[in-house]
Amino acid sequence: MFATIAARYDLLNHLLSGNIDKRWRRLVAKILYQGLPLESRILDVACGTGDLSLTLSESGEARIVGLDFCRPMLDIAAAKSLKRGAKVPFIEGDALALPFQDRSFDSVTIAFGLRNLASVESGLCELLRVLRPGGRVAVLEFSKPRYAIFRGLFKVYFTKLLPFVGGLISGSRGAYQYLPDSVSRFPDQKELASLMKNAGFEEVTYQNLTGGIAALHLGRRPH
C-alpha cells in the first residue's frame, strides 16, 4: 500500500495537513536537541520519505539514521537527502526487529508510524532496546481532538474529504481510507502514555498539537 502511494506521499501530506505537518516535525527536532550532546546519534524509525530525518539533520549536529520497511519510500528519501546535501543514510528494515545493537542511539523518533505496526507494544519495546540509558524517545502520532465540536468537524474531514482527495490524487483511495481507520483504532493520548510506561519508559509526557489532532509523546530510558 505504501509503495503504491510513495510518489504522491509528500504532496498529499503537505496538502491535506495545510503544511502543519512541517511545523510538527520542527517541534520534534527542537525538543530533542535540547540538552543533546554533540555527535549524538538519532534513529528515525518508520521514516517514510525522510521528512523528519531531514528536519532532524538540518536542525542540529546529530548523526541521523532513517529506517523504513518500504523501499520506494526510502528511494525518495535518499534522493531528497542527496539533493539537500544531508548525507542521511536510509536503511530498509523492520521496526519490530530493528537491525541495531542494544543501546545504539541517543534518541529515537517515530512519526506517524507506530499505529502501522502489527504490535504497538512490541514496537515500543524495540525503541527502548536501542536507546542508550537516559536516551529519549519522541512519538509523533495522530490522536484524539480535545474539543467535541472540533472533534466532530475533524471526523467529517478525516473520514470523508481526506479519502476522496487522497484517492483522487494518489490513485489509491484504499490507502487514504486506511489512514482514518488506523487512527480510530489507535490508543488515545493517555492510553499511549500508559503503554509507554508499561514498555519501560520513564518521565513519559505528552502535548497535544493543533487541538489534539496529533500528539507528541516523550519518554526516557531509565539509567
Foldseek 3Di string as FASTA:
>chain_A
DLLLQLVCVVVLVCVLVVNVVLVVLLVVLVVQPVVDDAQFEEEEEQCFLPSSQVSNLVSDRYQYEYEHQHVSRPVNNVVVCVVVVSPHHYYHDDLLDDPDQFQQGQEYEYAQCLLVDPDNLSSLLSRLRNHHAFHKYKYKHFAQFDDPVVNVVVCCCQQPVQLVVSCVVSVCSPVSNVSVVSRVPDDHDVVVQVSNVVSQWPPWDKDADPRRRMMMIMTGHHD
